Amino acid sequence: MAALDLPASTEPASTAPAPADASAPAEPTRMTGRMRLVLVVLLLAQFMLAVDFSILNVALPVIGQGLGFSLGGLQWIATAFALAAAGFTLLFGRIADLLGRRRVFLGGMAVLGVSSLFGGLATGPEMLMAARVAQGLATAAVTPAGLSLLTASFPEGPLRARALGLNGALMSAGFTTGAILGGVLTDLLSWRWAFFINVPVALAVVLVAPAVLRESRPAGRPRLDVPGAVTVTGGLLALVYGLTVAGEHGWTDPTALTALAAGAVLLAAFGLVERRATAPLVPLRVLRRRTVVWGNLAGLVAFVTETSLVFLMTLYLQDVLGFSPLAAGLSFGVLGAGTILGGVLASRFIGRFGARSALVTGGLLQAAATLALYGLGEGRDGLWLLLAATFAGGVGNMLAIVGFMVTATSGLPDEEQGMATGLATMTQQIGITMGTPIMSAVVVTAPVLLDGIGLAVLVNAGIVAAGAVLAGLFLRRG
């Protein structure tokens, strides 16, 4: 198997040196002007999608009062989006391979703009929920299509690592910006602007992208694996729904257990379907690749732990220290700065040490920073520790995320990049969904909130450390 620590080709080296081909074009080592334009368009779209994940969190109570949502119905504003985004990502990633990535990307951006307009104009819960589902479907289409356009536009090696590093940095910065921007827009204008802000950005991308992005799809157009699409989409929908219900009502809730069991059965059926399909949604040879399997597992750990850590620190800042929602959101600006730095440094780190080293080093740094948060107490004098630890953890987390993206998409032909990025995006969506219910279940085991947060911090750090060690072991040089 190829050595992951080499950022260029993953093909095994030949035993005899191949003669140089003078007619072959040299692999570019610097971004061209066109590459920069492609990067700007795709990063703008990914940043907007990341903002969309968190921009409504602060505004939920105000939306509930304005549109008549019940207290229990508020969480479905976020859940409806997560169900559509996670459940359909893999399907849309493969559709992008078959129909054309630019076409799916532009279609998804158009749907995102229109659904955001309808969400901002919503006059009742039904209209808002329909808009959120449409936004989730658009995200499921745009994210893998955009990532596959990015990986197809930059050759495997330092340039792709740099592009993925910048993508990861802006994605994480978008999560933080969304939390802050949601509070500012809701306080100064209206919660409706949390939707309206997407419209001009989506319009700009749709107008500019056709002149910048080249269409990308395989020469042959195989049939879509409908049974595989049905089983994997149904399985992911059931899994995300079960996790959401478990986070709200506990892990012993019958509805949650039934949904999780149904998800497990459907995903097992998906594996059986793929074995017999002539044109599988995800070829089994891809799932047997160590880079794909362990890269995605490492990515799952990175998203589960960091997004749930934000939840834990939000509890700490608001319910223990008494911060306002806006002040708590602004405190995470330091985390955002750490992730931006980690994303910028990731390509250089991977170019020198390799993707496997990025996964291990980033995970261990994140684990150490998370463990330091166990020292937080009831007083505000420990705020410096929270800021320093979240900054360092953000650097480590983004280093691991970029290492995951490079690993999970390496060594695959261009015609399968949509499928590979669909898998990676599915990992991201499920990780974001899983983290908070898991950590919520840990917090409630302690009678005192601060003790529960401390226990969850230890569990979080342990998961990160275990993920880093396993990635180091199973992604070692073959």
Protein backbone atom coordinates (compact mmCIF):
# COMPACT_ATOMS: atom_id res chain seq x y z
CA MET A 1 0.00 0.00 0.00
CA ALA A 2 1.19 3.53 -0.67
CA ALA A 3 2.80 5.55 2.06
CA LEU A 4 0.44 8.24 3.28
CA ASP A 5 3.30 10.40 4.45
CA LEU A 6 4.10 11.23 0.85
CA PRO A 7 1.71 14.00 -0.22
CA ALA A 8 2.07 13.32 -3.92
CA SER A 9 1.00 10.11 -5.66
CA THR A 10 -0.36 7.23 -3.64
CA GLU A 11 0.64 4.64 -6.27
CA PRO A 12 3.42 2.25 -5.23
CA ALA A 13 6.83 3.11 -6.54
CA SER A 14 8.16 1.08 -9.44
CA THR A 15 11.14 -1.13 -8.86
CA ALA A 16 12.87 0.33 -11.92
CA PRO A 17 13.12 4.03 -12.71
CA ALA A 18 10.80 5.10 -15.49
CA PRO A 19 12.23 7.19 -18.29
CA ALA A 20 11.30 10.84 -18.17
CA ASP A 21 8.58 11.89 -20.57
CA ALA A 22 9.61 15.22 -21.99
CA SER A 23 6.17 15.70 -23.55
CA ALA A 24 4.29 15.31 -20.25
CA PRO A 25 3.36 18.61 -18.62
CA ALA A 26 5.08 19.31 -15.34
CA GLU A 27 2.85 19.19 -12.29
CA PRO A 28 2.20 22.78 -11.15
CA THR A 29 3.69 23.83 -7.85
CA ARG A 30 2.07 27.27 -7.65
CA MET A 31 -1.56 28.28 -8.08
CA THR A 32 -2.45 29.83 -11.40
CA GLY A 33 -4.78 32.79 -11.66
CA ARG A 34 -7.64 30.51 -12.72
CA MET A 35 -7.00 28.23 -9.74
CA ARG A 36 -7.29 31.23 -7.43
CA LEU A 37 -10.61 32.22 -8.98
CA VAL A 38 -11.91 28.67 -8.61
CA LEU A 39 -10.78 28.66 -4.99
CA VAL A 40 -12.49 31.99 -4.21
CA VAL A 41 -15.84 30.87 -5.67
CA LEU A 42 -15.82 27.47 -3.95
CA LEU A 43 -14.59 28.83 -0.61
CA LEU A 44 -17.27 31.52 -0.62
CA ALA A 45 -19.94 28.86 -1.13
CA GLN A 46 -18.53 26.57 1.58
CA PHE A 47 -18.20 29.48 4.02
CA MET A 48 -21.84 30.39 3.49
CA LEU A 49 -22.92 26.79 4.08
CA ALA A 50 -20.91 26.66 7.33
CA VAL A 51 -22.49 29.92 8.52
CA ASP A 52 -25.90 28.42 7.79
CA PHE A 53 -25.29 25.57 10.23
CA SER A 54 -25.03 27.81 13.29
CA ILE A 55 -26.60 31.17 12.41
CA LEU A 56 -30.09 30.25 13.69
CA ASN A 57 -29.06 28.76 17.05
CA VAL A 58 -29.16 32.06 18.95
CA ALA A 59 -32.31 33.18 17.12
CA LEU A 60 -34.43 30.08 17.86
CA PRO A 61 -36.33 31.51 20.87
CA VAL A 62 -37.18 34.70 18.94
CA ILE A 63 -38.30 32.67 15.90
CA GLY A 64 -40.50 30.55 18.15
CA GLN A 65 -42.22 33.62 19.58
CA GLY A 66 -42.65 35.27 16.19
CA LEU A 67 -44.08 32.27 14.30
CA GLY A 68 -45.85 30.38 17.06
CA PHE A 69 -43.57 27.37 17.47
CA SER A 70 -44.09 25.29 20.58
CA LEU A 71 -41.10 24.87 22.90
CA GLY A 72 -40.68 21.25 21.81
CA GLY A 73 -41.01 22.18 18.16
CA LEU A 74 -38.13 24.67 18.18
CA GLN A 75 -35.42 22.01 17.98
CA TRP A 76 -36.96 20.72 14.73
CA ILE A 77 -35.88 23.92 12.99
CA ALA A 78 -32.33 22.66 13.35
CA THR A 79 -33.21 18.95 13.09
CA ALA A 80 -35.08 19.30 9.77
CA PHE A 81 -31.98 20.88 8.27
CA ALA A 82 -29.63 18.24 9.73
CA LEU A 83 -31.80 15.33 8.55
CA ALA A 84 -31.83 16.52 4.95
CA ALA A 85 -28.19 17.59 4.91
CA ALA A 86 -26.82 14.34 6.38
CA GLY A 87 -29.28 11.90 4.84
CA PHE A 88 -28.88 12.92 1.20
CA THR A 89 -25.20 13.91 1.06
CA LEU A 90 -23.83 10.59 -0.21
CA LEU A 91 -26.58 10.32 -2.83
CA PHE A 92 -25.96 13.83 -4.17
CA GLY A 93 -22.21 13.23 -4.17
CA ARG A 94 -22.71 10.31 -6.55
CA ILE A 95 -25.28 12.22 -8.62
CA ALA A 96 -22.66 14.95 -9.05
CA ASP A 97 -20.28 12.33 -10.47
CA LEU A 98 -22.93 11.15 -12.95
CA LEU A 99 -24.68 14.34 -14.04
CA GLY A 100 -21.84 16.84 -13.67
CA ARG A 101 -20.44 18.48 -10.57
CA ARG A 102 -20.77 22.05 -11.77
CA ARG A 103 -24.40 21.44 -12.73
CA VAL A 104 -25.28 19.99 -9.32
CA PHE A 105 -23.27 22.73 -7.56
CA LEU A 106 -25.09 25.53 -9.38
CA GLY A 107 -28.49 23.88 -8.95
CA GLY A 108 -27.88 23.46 -5.23
CA MET A 109 -26.78 27.10 -4.84
CA ALA A 110 -29.91 28.28 -6.66
CA VAL A 111 -32.12 26.17 -4.37
CA LEU A 112 -30.26 27.49 -1.34
CA GLY A 113 -30.87 31.10 -2.39
CA VAL A 114 -34.57 30.57 -3.11
CA SER A 115 -35.20 28.55 0.08
CA SER A 116 -33.40 31.19 2.16
CA LEU A 117 -35.66 33.88 0.66
CA PHE A 118 -38.77 31.84 1.52
CA GLY A 119 -37.42 31.19 5.02
CA GLY A 120 -36.98 34.90 5.63
CA LEU A 121 -40.50 35.58 4.36
CA ALA A 122 -42.08 32.73 6.35
CA THR A 123 -45.43 33.54 7.96
CA GLY A 124 -45.89 30.28 9.87
CA PRO A 125 -44.11 27.15 11.12
CA GLU A 126 -44.97 25.06 8.04
CA MET A 127 -43.39 27.52 5.60
CA LEU A 128 -40.27 27.88 7.72
CA MET A 129 -39.85 24.11 8.10
CA ALA A 130 -40.21 23.60 4.35
CA ALA A 131 -37.54 26.23 3.79
CA ARG A 132 -35.19 24.52 6.27
CA VAL A 133 -35.63 21.13 4.59
CA ALA A 134 -34.89 22.74 1.21
CA GLN A 135 -31.81 24.42 2.69
CA GLY A 136 -30.64 21.04 4.00
CA LEU A 137 -31.14 19.38 0.60
CA ALA A 138 -29.26 22.23 -1.07
CA THR A 139 -26.40 21.79 1.41
CA ALA A 140 -26.36 18.03 0.70
CA ALA A 141 -25.92 18.83 -3.00
CA VAL A 142 -23.53 21.79 -2.85
CA THR A 143 -21.05 20.49 -0.27
CA PRO A 144 -19.87 17.27 -1.99
CA ALA A 145 -20.15 18.83 -5.46
CA GLY A 146 -18.08 21.81 -4.36
CA LEU A 147 -15.47 19.65 -2.65
CA SER A 148 -15.19 17.35 -5.67
CA LEU A 149 -14.79 20.38 -7.96
CA LEU A 150 -12.03 21.55 -5.64
CA THR A 151 -10.20 18.20 -5.54
CA ALA A 152 -10.58 17.81 -9.30
CA SER A 153 -9.26 21.35 -9.92
CA PHE A 154 -6.09 20.89 -7.85
CA PRO A 155 -3.66 18.01 -8.45
CA GLU A 156 -3.07 15.59 -5.60
CA GLY A 157 -0.17 16.87 -3.53
CA PRO A 158 0.78 20.24 -1.99
CA LEU A 159 -1.65 22.33 -4.05
CA ARG A 160 -4.64 20.18 -3.11
CA ALA A 161 -3.54 20.11 0.53
CA ARG A 162 -3.32 23.90 0.52
CA ALA A 163 -6.75 24.27 -1.07
CA LEU A 164 -8.31 21.82 1.41
CA GLY A 165 -6.56 23.60 4.28
CA LEU A 166 -8.06 26.94 3.29
CA ASN A 167 -11.44 25.27 2.77
CA GLY A 168 -11.30 23.73 6.24
CA ALA A 169 -10.22 26.99 7.84
CA LEU A 170 -13.06 28.96 6.29
CA MET A 171 -15.55 26.19 7.04
CA SER A 172 -14.67 26.25 10.73
CA ALA A 173 -14.56 30.05 10.75
CA GLY A 174 -18.03 29.95 9.22
CA PHE A 175 -19.40 27.95 12.16
CA THR A 176 -18.03 30.54 14.59
CA THR A 177 -19.12 33.48 12.43
CA GLY A 178 -22.62 32.04 12.18
CA ALA A 179 -23.01 31.92 15.97
CA ILE A 180 -21.86 35.53 16.31
CA LEU A 181 -23.67 36.85 13.24
CA GLY A 182 -26.94 35.22 14.30
CA GLY A 183 -26.90 37.10 17.59
CA VAL A 184 -25.94 40.42 16.00
CA LEU A 185 -28.56 40.24 13.22
CA THR A 186 -31.29 39.13 15.63
CA ASP A 187 -30.49 41.92 18.11
CA LEU A 188 -30.02 44.75 15.60
CA LEU A 189 -32.39 43.82 12.76
CA SER A 190 -34.55 40.69 12.79
CA TRP A 191 -34.14 36.92 12.81
CA ARG A 192 -35.32 37.03 9.19
CA TRP A 193 -31.95 38.45 8.15
CA ALA A 194 -30.34 35.18 9.24
CA PHE A 195 -32.07 33.81 6.11
CA PHE A 196 -31.91 36.88 3.86
CA ILE A 197 -28.12 37.17 4.16
CA ASN A 198 -27.74 34.00 2.05
CA VAL A 199 -29.63 35.39 -0.92
CA PRO A 200 -27.09 37.88 -2.36
CA VAL A 201 -24.20 35.48 -1.72
CA ALA A 202 -25.96 32.62 -3.51
CA LEU A 203 -26.89 34.93 -6.39
CA ALA A 204 -23.28 36.11 -6.76
CA VAL A 205 -21.96 32.53 -6.82
CA VAL A 206 -24.57 31.42 -9.39
CA LEU A 207 -23.71 34.35 -11.67
CA VAL A 208 -19.90 34.05 -11.43
CA ALA A 209 -19.38 30.29 -11.17
CA PRO A 210 -20.28 29.35 -14.80
CA ALA A 211 -17.45 31.54 -16.09
CA VAL A 212 -14.93 30.17 -13.57
CA LEU A 213 -15.74 26.49 -13.00
CA ARG A 214 -15.30 23.84 -15.67
CA GLU A 215 -17.78 20.99 -15.87
CA SER A 216 -16.41 17.73 -14.48
CA ARG A 217 -17.90 14.26 -14.96
CA PRO A 218 -16.80 10.86 -16.29
CA ALA A 219 -16.94 10.12 -20.03
CA GLY A 220 -19.27 7.17 -19.50
CA ARG A 221 -22.49 7.64 -17.56
CA PRO A 222 -23.30 4.52 -15.51
CA ARG A 223 -26.77 3.93 -14.12
CA LEU A 224 -27.61 5.22 -10.68
CA ASP A 225 -27.74 2.49 -8.04
CA VAL A 226 -31.34 3.09 -6.93
CA PRO A 227 -31.55 0.27 -4.29
CA GLY A 228 -28.26 1.46 -2.82
CA ALA A 229 -29.45 5.07 -2.81
CA VAL A 230 -32.72 4.14 -1.07
CA THR A 231 -31.11 2.01 1.64
CA VAL A 232 -28.23 4.35 2.48
CA THR A 233 -30.43 7.48 2.45
CA GLY A 234 -33.09 5.78 4.59
CA GLY A 235 -30.42 4.44 6.94
CA LEU A 236 -28.78 7.84 7.40
CA LEU A 237 -32.14 9.57 7.92
CA ALA A 238 -33.10 7.02 10.59
CA LEU A 239 -29.69 7.28 12.26
CA VAL A 240 -29.72 11.09 12.45
CA TYR A 241 -33.34 11.10 13.63
CA GLY A 242 -32.56 8.55 16.33
CA LEU A 243 -29.55 10.54 17.54
CA THR A 244 -31.62 13.72 17.67
CA VAL A 245 -34.44 12.09 19.66
CA ALA A 246 -31.91 10.46 22.00
CA GLY A 247 -30.33 13.84 22.67
CA GLU A 248 -33.73 15.29 23.55
CA HIS A 249 -35.38 12.41 25.46
CA GLY A 250 -32.50 10.14 26.48
CA TRP A 251 -30.92 6.99 25.08
CA THR A 252 -33.63 4.71 26.48
CA ASP A 253 -36.44 6.45 24.59
CA PRO A 254 -38.33 3.82 22.50
CA THR A 255 -38.58 6.09 19.47
CA ALA A 256 -34.84 6.76 19.52
CA LEU A 257 -33.99 3.09 19.90
CA THR A 258 -36.37 2.09 17.11
CA ALA A 259 -34.94 4.71 14.75
CA LEU A 260 -31.35 3.74 15.55
CA ALA A 261 -32.14 0.04 15.03
CA ALA A 262 -33.85 0.80 11.72
CA GLY A 263 -30.85 2.86 10.65
CA ALA A 264 -28.47 0.01 11.50
CA VAL A 265 -30.60 -2.51 9.53
CA LEU A 266 -30.86 -0.25 6.47
CA LEU A 267 -27.13 0.50 6.46
CA ALA A 268 -26.38 -3.24 6.74
CA ALA A 269 -28.77 -3.83 3.83
CA PHE A 270 -26.89 -1.14 1.90
CA GLY A 271 -23.69 -3.14 2.31
CA LEU A 272 -25.39 -6.26 0.95
CA VAL A 273 -26.92 -4.33 -1.97
CA GLU A 274 -23.54 -2.89 -2.93
CA ARG A 275 -22.00 -6.35 -3.11
CA ARG A 276 -24.41 -7.34 -5.90
CA ALA A 277 -24.90 -4.03 -7.74
CA THR A 278 -23.43 -3.74 -11.23
CA ALA A 279 -22.91 0.02 -10.76
CA PRO A 280 -22.75 0.45 -6.96
CA LEU A 281 -23.25 3.81 -5.29
CA VAL A 282 -20.05 3.16 -3.34
CA PRO A 283 -17.87 0.39 -4.84
CA LEU A 284 -16.72 -2.10 -2.20
CA ARG A 285 -13.14 -1.77 -3.42
CA VAL A 286 -13.29 1.87 -2.30
CA LEU A 287 -14.62 0.88 1.14
CA ARG A 288 -11.75 -1.60 1.44
CA ARG A 289 -9.17 1.16 1.03
CA ARG A 290 -7.44 1.84 4.30
CA THR A 291 -7.21 5.55 3.49
CA VAL A 292 -10.97 5.83 2.95
CA VAL A 293 -12.01 3.81 6.01
CA TRP A 294 -9.57 5.15 8.58
CA GLY A 295 -9.50 8.63 7.10
CA ASN A 296 -13.26 8.93 7.50
CA LEU A 297 -13.23 7.41 10.99
CA ALA A 298 -10.58 9.94 12.04
CA GLY A 299 -12.70 12.70 10.52
CA LEU A 300 -15.77 11.45 12.39
CA VAL A 301 -13.85 11.70 15.67
CA ALA A 302 -12.68 15.23 14.84
CA PHE A 303 -16.21 16.50 14.13
CA VAL A 304 -17.90 14.61 16.99
CA THR A 305 -15.51 15.98 19.59
CA GLU A 306 -14.97 19.59 18.55
CA THR A 307 -18.61 20.44 17.82
CA SER A 308 -19.72 18.82 21.09
CA LEU A 309 -16.94 20.67 22.95
CA VAL A 310 -18.50 23.94 21.76
CA PHE A 311 -21.78 22.71 23.28
CA LEU A 312 -20.05 21.88 26.59
CA MET A 313 -18.29 25.24 26.77
CA THR A 314 -21.55 27.01 25.92
CA LEU A 315 -23.14 25.30 28.93
CA TYR A 316 -20.17 26.30 31.06
CA LEU A 317 -20.13 29.94 29.96
CA GLN A 318 -23.89 30.51 30.21
CA ASP A 319 -25.08 28.20 33.00
CA VAL A 320 -22.00 28.21 35.25
CA LEU A 321 -20.41 31.64 34.65
CA GLY A 322 -23.64 33.43 33.70
CA PHE A 323 -22.56 34.81 30.31
CA SER A 324 -25.21 36.07 27.87
CA PRO A 325 -25.68 34.10 24.62
CA LEU A 326 -23.99 36.85 22.61
CA ALA A 327 -21.03 37.06 25.03
CA ALA A 328 -20.65 33.28 24.92
CA GLY A 329 -20.71 33.35 21.12
CA LEU A 330 -18.05 36.08 21.02
CA SER A 331 -15.86 33.99 23.33
CA PHE A 332 -15.65 31.35 20.62
CA GLY A 333 -13.96 33.88 18.34
CA VAL A 334 -10.69 32.63 19.82
CA LEU A 335 -11.56 29.08 18.76
CA GLY A 336 -12.31 30.38 15.28
CA ALA A 337 -8.91 32.10 15.15
CA GLY A 338 -7.24 28.81 16.12
CA THR A 339 -9.02 26.90 13.38
CA ILE A 340 -8.08 29.50 10.78
CA LEU A 341 -4.43 29.26 11.83
CA GLY A 342 -4.62 25.45 11.76
CA GLY A 343 -6.10 25.49 8.27
CA VAL A 344 -3.43 27.84 6.95
CA LEU A 345 -0.60 25.78 8.49
CA ALA A 346 -2.05 22.39 7.52
CA SER A 347 -0.87 22.33 3.91
CA ARG A 348 2.73 23.10 4.89
CA PHE A 349 2.62 20.52 7.65
CA ILE A 350 1.20 17.85 5.34
CA GLY A 351 3.69 18.75 2.61
CA ARG A 352 6.55 18.17 5.04
CA PHE A 353 5.31 15.37 7.30
CA GLY A 354 2.35 13.77 5.51
CA ALA A 355 -1.40 13.42 6.07
CA ARG A 356 -1.04 10.62 8.64
CA SER A 357 1.19 12.81 10.79
CA ALA A 358 -1.34 15.64 10.52
CA LEU A 359 -4.12 13.36 11.78
CA VAL A 360 -2.04 12.11 14.70
CA THR A 361 -0.42 15.40 15.70
CA GLY A 362 -3.62 17.39 15.32
CA GLY A 363 -5.61 14.83 17.32
CA LEU A 364 -3.08 14.68 20.16
CA LEU A 365 -2.88 18.49 20.33
CA GLN A 366 -6.67 18.70 20.45
CA ALA A 367 -6.81 15.99 23.14
CA ALA A 368 -4.24 17.78 25.31
CA ALA A 369 -6.04 21.12 24.95
CA THR A 370 -9.40 19.51 25.78
CA LEU A 371 -7.94 17.76 28.82
CA ALA A 372 -6.70 21.13 30.12
CA LEU A 373 -10.33 22.32 30.27
CA TYR A 374 -10.93 19.89 33.11
CA GLY A 375 -9.25 22.50 35.31
CA LEU A 376 -12.08 25.03 34.84
CA GLY A 377 -13.89 26.03 38.03
CA GLU A 378 -16.85 28.13 39.13
CA GLY A 379 -15.01 31.47 38.98
CA ARG A 380 -14.28 33.65 35.97
CA ASP A 381 -10.59 33.78 36.82
CA GLY A 382 -10.13 30.60 34.77
CA LEU A 383 -11.43 32.22 31.58
CA TRP A 384 -7.86 32.60 30.28
CA LEU A 385 -7.51 28.81 30.44
CA LEU A 386 -10.67 28.34 28.36
CA LEU A 387 -9.50 30.83 25.73
CA ALA A 388 -5.97 29.39 25.50
CA ALA A 389 -7.17 25.77 25.41
CA THR A 390 -9.88 26.36 22.81
CA PHE A 391 -7.39 28.25 20.62
CA ALA A 392 -4.84 25.40 20.78
CA GLY A 393 -7.59 22.82 20.34
CA GLY A 394 -8.86 24.67 17.27
CA VAL A 395 -5.40 24.52 15.69
CA GLY A 396 -5.17 20.78 16.38
CA ASN A 397 -8.71 20.05 15.24
CA MET A 398 -8.28 21.81 11.91
CA LEU A 399 -4.94 20.08 11.34
CA ALA A 400 -6.73 16.76 11.84
CA ILE A 401 -9.68 17.74 9.63
CA VAL A 402 -7.47 18.74 6.69
CA GLY A 403 -5.45 15.55 7.19
CA PHE A 404 -8.73 13.62 7.09
CA MET A 405 -9.88 15.29 3.85
CA VAL A 406 -6.52 14.71 2.13
CA THR A 407 -6.40 11.09 3.30
CA ALA A 408 -10.02 10.21 2.45
CA THR A 409 -9.82 11.60 -1.11
CA SER A 410 -6.29 10.52 -2.04
CA GLY A 411 -5.45 7.86 -4.62
CA LEU A 412 -8.92 7.84 -6.24
CA PRO A 413 -9.54 8.69 -9.91
CA ASP A 414 -11.21 11.95 -10.87
CA GLU A 415 -14.48 10.24 -11.80
CA GLU A 416 -14.88 9.01 -8.20
CA GLN A 417 -14.04 12.27 -6.42
CA GLY A 418 -17.74 13.15 -6.02
CA MET A 419 -18.34 9.82 -4.31
CA ALA A 420 -15.23 10.25 -2.12
CA THR A 421 -16.13 13.79 -1.09
CA GLY A 422 -19.73 12.65 -0.56
CA LEU A 423 -18.45 10.07 1.93
CA ALA A 424 -16.30 12.69 3.61
CA THR A 425 -19.16 15.18 3.78
CA MET A 426 -21.48 12.49 5.16
CA THR A 427 -18.87 11.83 7.86
CA GLN A 428 -18.82 15.54 8.67
CA GLN A 429 -22.62 15.82 8.91
CA ILE A 430 -23.03 12.72 11.07
CA GLY A 431 -20.18 13.84 13.35
CA ILE A 432 -21.80 17.22 13.88
CA THR A 433 -25.12 15.51 14.66
CA MET A 434 -23.71 12.82 16.99
CA GLY A 435 -21.52 14.96 19.22
CA THR A 436 -24.06 16.92 21.22
CA PRO A 437 -26.38 13.97 22.13
CA ILE A 438 -23.39 11.91 23.29
CA MET A 439 -21.99 14.66 25.49
CA SER A 440 -25.45 15.60 26.78
CA ALA A 441 -25.90 12.01 27.96
CA VAL A 442 -22.59 12.21 29.83
CA VAL A 443 -23.34 15.59 31.45
CA VAL A 444 -26.65 14.47 32.96
CA THR A 445 -25.02 11.51 34.76
CA ALA A 446 -23.64 13.92 37.40
CA PRO A 447 -25.89 15.68 39.93
CA VAL A 448 -23.90 18.93 39.68
CA LEU A 449 -23.66 20.62 36.26
CA LEU A 450 -19.98 21.58 36.60
CA ASP A 451 -19.09 17.98 37.53
CA GLY A 452 -21.05 16.70 34.53
CA ILE A 453 -19.26 19.10 32.20
CA GLY A 454 -15.91 18.01 33.66
CA LEU A 455 -16.72 14.34 33.11
CA ALA A 456 -17.82 15.03 29.53
CA VAL A 457 -14.58 16.93 28.91
CA LEU A 458 -12.60 13.86 30.03
CA VAL A 459 -14.64 11.59 27.76
CA ASN A 460 -14.20 14.04 24.88
CA ALA A 461 -10.41 14.15 25.35
CA GLY A 462 -10.27 10.35 25.58
CA ILE A 463 -12.16 9.91 22.31
CA VAL A 464 -9.82 12.34 20.52
CA ALA A 465 -6.69 10.65 21.87
CA ALA A 466 -7.98 7.18 20.95
CA GLY A 467 -8.83 8.35 17.44
CA ALA A 468 -5.35 9.84 16.96
CA VAL A 469 -3.60 6.67 18.18
CA LEU A 470 -5.73 4.39 15.99
CA ALA A 471 -5.16 6.60 12.95
CA GLY A 472 -1.42 6.42 13.59
CA LEU A 473 -1.49 2.64 13.86
CA PHE A 474 -3.73 1.79 10.91
CA LEU A 475 -2.48 4.44 8.52
CA ARG A 476 1.19 3.67 9.08
CA ARG A 477 3.46 3.05 6.11
CA GLY A 478 2.48 -0.04 4.16
